């Protein structure tokens, strides 16, 4: 993997479809957004449905955007779930412009 290459492997049509489905279903569930030096951190509720959506997002995102560092923090049932998206230089702008959470 070339860590200096910040590109998504999806075609334009595939990316548009992903934004309209997977990403849109998560975007409405974001409870808080925190800016990091090299990305963002997002808080979600801890429901099983949200965890399933986040898991599916991570599984596919790591294939199409292999430059991203994806982290999921899950604690006890009543605590929030945190998704962290980060990466090398340029990843933060990519997350902001392409994933748009």
N, C-alpha and C. Protein backbone atom coordinates (compact mmCIF):
# COMPACT_ATOMS: atom_id res chain seq x y z
N UNK A 1 0.84 -1.18 0.00
CA UNK A 1 0.00 0.00 0.00
C UNK A 1 0.88 1.24 0.00
N UNK A 2 0.57 2.17 -0.87
CA UNK A 2 1.28 3.45 -0.92
C UNK A 2 0.56 4.41 0.00
N UNK A 3 1.14 4.68 1.18
CA UNK A 3 0.49 5.51 2.18
C UNK A 3 0.35 6.96 1.74
N UNK A 4 1.07 7.37 0.70
CA UNK A 4 0.96 8.74 0.23
C UNK A 4 -0.19 8.92 -0.76
N UNK A 5 -0.82 7.82 -1.15
CA UNK A 5 -1.89 7.88 -2.14
C UNK A 5 -3.24 7.87 -1.42
N UNK A 6 -3.93 8.99 -1.48
CA UNK A 6 -5.22 9.14 -0.82
C UNK A 6 -6.30 9.06 -1.90
N UNK A 7 -6.72 7.86 -2.22
CA UNK A 7 -7.77 7.67 -3.21
C UNK A 7 -8.68 6.52 -2.80
N UNK A 8 -9.91 6.63 -3.22
CA UNK A 8 -10.90 5.59 -3.00
C UNK A 8 -10.89 4.68 -4.23
N UNK A 9 -11.02 3.39 -4.02
CA UNK A 9 -11.00 2.43 -5.12
C UNK A 9 -12.36 2.27 -5.79
N UNK A 10 -13.39 2.93 -5.26
CA UNK A 10 -14.72 2.85 -5.85
C UNK A 10 -14.81 3.75 -7.07
N UNK A 11 -15.64 3.37 -8.01
CA UNK A 11 -15.92 4.25 -9.14
C UNK A 11 -16.79 5.40 -8.63
N UNK A 12 -16.95 6.42 -9.43
CA UNK A 12 -17.77 7.56 -9.04
C UNK A 12 -19.20 7.10 -8.74
N UNK A 13 -19.77 6.24 -9.56
CA UNK A 13 -21.13 5.74 -9.35
C UNK A 13 -21.21 4.92 -8.06
N UNK A 14 -20.24 4.05 -7.83
CA UNK A 14 -20.23 3.24 -6.61
C UNK A 14 -20.12 4.12 -5.36
N UNK A 15 -19.30 5.16 -5.44
CA UNK A 15 -19.15 6.07 -4.30
C UNK A 15 -20.45 6.83 -4.05
N UNK A 16 -21.10 7.28 -5.10
CA UNK A 16 -22.38 7.96 -4.94
C UNK A 16 -23.42 7.05 -4.29
N UNK A 17 -23.45 5.78 -4.72
CA UNK A 17 -24.39 4.82 -4.14
C UNK A 17 -24.07 4.56 -2.67
N UNK A 18 -22.78 4.47 -2.36
CA UNK A 18 -22.37 4.24 -0.97
C UNK A 18 -22.76 5.43 -0.08
N UNK A 19 -22.59 6.65 -0.61
CA UNK A 19 -22.98 7.84 0.14
C UNK A 19 -24.49 7.87 0.37
N UNK A 20 -25.25 7.40 -0.60
CA UNK A 20 -26.71 7.44 -0.50
C UNK A 20 -27.27 6.35 0.39
N UNK A 21 -26.50 5.33 0.67
CA UNK A 21 -27.01 4.21 1.45
C UNK A 21 -26.26 4.08 2.77
N UNK A 22 -25.13 3.44 2.75
CA UNK A 22 -24.37 3.12 3.96
C UNK A 22 -23.99 4.38 4.73
N UNK A 23 -23.38 5.32 4.06
CA UNK A 23 -22.91 6.53 4.73
C UNK A 23 -24.10 7.36 5.22
N UNK A 24 -25.15 7.47 4.43
CA UNK A 24 -26.33 8.24 4.84
C UNK A 24 -26.99 7.63 6.07
N UNK A 25 -27.02 6.30 6.16
CA UNK A 25 -27.64 5.66 7.32
C UNK A 25 -26.84 5.89 8.60
N UNK A 26 -25.53 6.06 8.47
CA UNK A 26 -24.71 6.36 9.64
C UNK A 26 -24.70 7.85 9.97
N UNK A 27 -24.71 8.67 8.95
CA UNK A 27 -24.64 10.13 9.14
C UNK A 27 -25.75 10.64 10.05
N UNK A 28 -26.95 10.10 9.91
CA UNK A 28 -28.08 10.56 10.73
C UNK A 28 -27.97 10.06 12.16
N UNK A 29 -27.08 9.11 12.42
CA UNK A 29 -26.92 8.54 13.75
C UNK A 29 -25.78 9.18 14.54
N UNK A 30 -25.00 10.05 13.91
CA UNK A 30 -23.88 10.69 14.60
C UNK A 30 -24.43 11.60 15.70
N UNK A 31 -23.97 11.37 16.93
CA UNK A 31 -24.40 12.17 18.07
C UNK A 31 -23.42 13.29 18.40
N UNK A 32 -22.17 13.07 18.01
CA UNK A 32 -21.12 14.06 18.29
C UNK A 32 -19.97 13.81 17.33
N UNK A 33 -19.31 14.88 16.95
CA UNK A 33 -18.14 14.81 16.07
C UNK A 33 -17.01 15.56 16.74
N UNK A 34 -15.85 14.91 16.83
CA UNK A 34 -14.67 15.55 17.40
C UNK A 34 -13.56 15.55 16.34
N UNK A 35 -12.94 16.68 16.18
CA UNK A 35 -11.84 16.80 15.23
C UNK A 35 -10.54 16.33 15.87
N UNK A 36 -9.79 15.52 15.15
CA UNK A 36 -8.48 15.04 15.58
C UNK A 36 -7.42 15.65 14.67
N UNK A 37 -6.18 15.53 15.04
CA UNK A 37 -5.09 16.08 14.21
C UNK A 37 -5.08 15.47 12.82
N UNK A 38 -5.37 14.18 12.72
CA UNK A 38 -5.28 13.50 11.43
C UNK A 38 -6.60 12.84 11.01
N UNK A 39 -7.73 13.32 11.56
CA UNK A 39 -9.02 12.74 11.20
C UNK A 39 -10.14 13.23 12.09
N UNK A 40 -11.09 12.34 12.34
CA UNK A 40 -12.26 12.69 13.14
C UNK A 40 -12.67 11.50 14.00
N UNK A 41 -13.41 11.82 15.05
CA UNK A 41 -13.95 10.81 15.96
C UNK A 41 -15.44 11.10 16.09
N UNK A 42 -16.26 10.04 15.98
CA UNK A 42 -17.71 10.20 15.98
C UNK A 42 -18.34 9.34 17.07
N UNK A 43 -19.30 9.93 17.78
CA UNK A 43 -20.01 9.21 18.84
C UNK A 43 -21.37 8.76 18.31
N UNK A 44 -21.71 7.51 18.62
CA UNK A 44 -22.98 6.90 18.23
C UNK A 44 -23.62 6.26 19.45
N UNK A 45 -24.92 5.95 19.35
CA UNK A 45 -25.56 5.18 20.41
C UNK A 45 -25.03 3.75 20.35
N UNK A 46 -25.31 2.98 21.38
CA UNK A 46 -24.73 1.63 21.46
C UNK A 46 -25.72 0.53 21.08
N UNK A 47 -26.73 0.85 20.30
CA UNK A 47 -27.71 -0.17 19.90
C UNK A 47 -27.06 -1.21 18.99
N UNK A 48 -27.64 -2.39 18.99
CA UNK A 48 -27.15 -3.46 18.12
C UNK A 48 -27.24 -3.05 16.65
N UNK A 49 -28.29 -2.34 16.28
CA UNK A 49 -28.45 -1.90 14.89
C UNK A 49 -27.31 -0.96 14.49
N UNK A 50 -26.97 -0.03 15.35
CA UNK A 50 -25.87 0.89 15.06
C UNK A 50 -24.55 0.13 14.96
N UNK A 51 -24.32 -0.79 15.88
CA UNK A 51 -23.09 -1.59 15.82
C UNK A 51 -23.00 -2.38 14.53
N UNK A 52 -24.12 -2.94 14.07
CA UNK A 52 -24.12 -3.68 12.80
C UNK A 52 -23.78 -2.76 11.63
N UNK A 53 -24.38 -1.57 11.62
CA UNK A 53 -24.09 -0.60 10.55
C UNK A 53 -22.62 -0.19 10.56
N UNK A 54 -22.09 0.08 11.74
CA UNK A 54 -20.68 0.48 11.85
C UNK A 54 -19.75 -0.65 11.43
N UNK A 55 -20.08 -1.86 11.82
CA UNK A 55 -19.26 -3.00 11.44
C UNK A 55 -19.24 -3.18 9.92
N UNK A 56 -20.39 -3.07 9.28
CA UNK A 56 -20.46 -3.18 7.82
C UNK A 56 -19.69 -2.04 7.15
N UNK A 57 -19.82 -0.84 7.70
CA UNK A 57 -19.08 0.30 7.16
C UNK A 57 -17.58 0.04 7.21
N UNK A 58 -17.09 -0.41 8.37
CA UNK A 58 -15.66 -0.67 8.54
C UNK A 58 -15.17 -1.77 7.60
N UNK A 59 -15.94 -2.85 7.49
CA UNK A 59 -15.53 -3.97 6.64
C UNK A 59 -15.35 -3.54 5.19
N UNK A 60 -16.23 -2.71 4.68
CA UNK A 60 -16.11 -2.29 3.28
C UNK A 60 -15.15 -1.12 3.10
N UNK A 61 -15.13 -0.22 4.08
CA UNK A 61 -14.26 0.97 3.96
C UNK A 61 -12.79 0.58 3.93
N UNK A 62 -12.42 -0.44 4.67
CA UNK A 62 -11.00 -0.83 4.69
C UNK A 62 -10.56 -1.46 3.37
N UNK A 63 -11.52 -1.89 2.55
CA UNK A 63 -11.19 -2.42 1.23
C UNK A 63 -11.09 -1.32 0.18
N UNK A 64 -12.02 -0.36 0.23
CA UNK A 64 -12.02 0.67 -0.81
C UNK A 64 -11.10 1.85 -0.50
N UNK A 65 -10.82 2.09 0.76
CA UNK A 65 -9.96 3.20 1.18
C UNK A 65 -8.91 2.67 2.15
N UNK A 66 -7.99 1.90 1.62
CA UNK A 66 -7.03 1.18 2.47
C UNK A 66 -6.01 2.09 3.15
N UNK A 67 -6.03 3.37 2.89
CA UNK A 67 -5.15 4.32 3.57
C UNK A 67 -5.72 4.75 4.92
N UNK A 68 -7.02 4.51 5.13
CA UNK A 68 -7.66 4.94 6.36
C UNK A 68 -7.30 4.03 7.53
N UNK A 69 -7.22 4.63 8.70
CA UNK A 69 -7.10 3.89 9.95
C UNK A 69 -8.47 4.00 10.61
N UNK A 70 -9.10 2.85 10.83
CA UNK A 70 -10.46 2.80 11.36
C UNK A 70 -10.43 2.19 12.75
N UNK A 71 -11.04 2.86 13.71
CA UNK A 71 -11.09 2.34 15.07
C UNK A 71 -12.51 2.39 15.60
N UNK A 72 -12.90 1.35 16.31
CA UNK A 72 -14.22 1.28 16.91
C UNK A 72 -14.05 0.97 18.39
N UNK A 73 -14.56 1.84 19.24
CA UNK A 73 -14.47 1.65 20.68
C UNK A 73 -15.86 1.34 21.21
N UNK A 74 -15.98 0.16 21.81
CA UNK A 74 -17.25 -0.30 22.36
C UNK A 74 -17.01 -0.73 23.80
N UNK A 75 -17.82 -0.21 24.71
CA UNK A 75 -17.70 -0.59 26.12
C UNK A 75 -19.00 -1.28 26.54
N UNK A 76 -19.46 -1.01 27.74
CA UNK A 76 -20.68 -1.65 28.22
C UNK A 76 -21.90 -1.14 27.47
N UNK A 77 -23.00 -1.81 27.63
CA UNK A 77 -24.23 -1.60 26.88
C UNK A 77 -24.73 -0.15 26.90
N UNK A 78 -24.57 0.54 28.00
CA UNK A 78 -25.12 1.89 28.13
C UNK A 78 -24.15 3.00 27.73
N UNK A 79 -22.94 2.66 27.37
CA UNK A 79 -21.97 3.69 27.00
C UNK A 79 -22.00 3.89 25.48
N UNK A 80 -21.63 5.08 25.02
CA UNK A 80 -21.64 5.32 23.58
C UNK A 80 -20.57 4.52 22.86
N UNK A 81 -20.75 4.41 21.58
CA UNK A 81 -19.78 3.77 20.69
C UNK A 81 -19.06 4.88 19.94
N UNK A 82 -17.75 4.74 19.81
CA UNK A 82 -16.95 5.75 19.10
C UNK A 82 -16.32 5.14 17.86
N UNK A 83 -16.46 5.82 16.73
CA UNK A 83 -15.80 5.45 15.49
C UNK A 83 -14.73 6.50 15.22
N UNK A 84 -13.51 6.05 15.03
CA UNK A 84 -12.42 6.97 14.71
C UNK A 84 -11.94 6.69 13.30
N UNK A 85 -11.87 7.75 12.49
CA UNK A 85 -11.36 7.68 11.12
C UNK A 85 -10.16 8.60 11.04
N UNK A 86 -9.02 8.07 10.66
CA UNK A 86 -7.82 8.87 10.54
C UNK A 86 -6.92 8.26 9.48
N UNK A 87 -5.77 8.85 9.30
CA UNK A 87 -4.83 8.33 8.31
C UNK A 87 -3.69 9.28 8.08
N UNK A 88 -2.96 9.04 7.00
CA UNK A 88 -1.80 9.89 6.70
C UNK A 88 -2.23 11.28 6.25
N UNK A 89 -1.28 12.12 6.00
CA UNK A 89 -1.56 13.48 5.53
C UNK A 89 -2.50 13.44 4.34
N UNK A 90 -3.54 14.23 4.39
CA UNK A 90 -4.54 14.27 3.33
C UNK A 90 -5.78 13.45 3.64
N UNK A 91 -5.68 12.53 4.58
CA UNK A 91 -6.82 11.68 4.93
C UNK A 91 -7.95 12.49 5.56
N UNK A 92 -7.58 13.45 6.38
CA UNK A 92 -8.60 14.26 7.07
C UNK A 92 -9.47 15.01 6.06
N UNK A 93 -8.86 15.61 5.06
CA UNK A 93 -9.63 16.30 4.02
C UNK A 93 -10.49 15.32 3.24
N UNK A 94 -9.96 14.13 2.97
CA UNK A 94 -10.72 13.11 2.27
C UNK A 94 -11.97 12.73 3.08
N UNK A 95 -11.79 12.50 4.36
CA UNK A 95 -12.90 12.13 5.24
C UNK A 95 -13.95 13.24 5.23
N UNK A 96 -13.50 14.47 5.36
CA UNK A 96 -14.41 15.62 5.40
C UNK A 96 -15.18 15.78 4.09
N UNK A 97 -14.50 15.59 2.95
CA UNK A 97 -15.10 15.86 1.66
C UNK A 97 -15.81 14.66 1.04
N UNK A 98 -15.34 13.46 1.30
CA UNK A 98 -15.91 12.28 0.65
C UNK A 98 -16.85 11.49 1.54
N UNK A 99 -16.52 11.32 2.79
CA UNK A 99 -17.37 10.55 3.69
C UNK A 99 -18.44 11.45 4.28
N UNK A 100 -18.07 12.68 4.59
CA UNK A 100 -19.00 13.73 4.98
C UNK A 100 -19.87 13.41 6.19
N UNK A 101 -19.35 12.78 7.19
CA UNK A 101 -20.12 12.56 8.43
C UNK A 101 -20.27 13.89 9.12
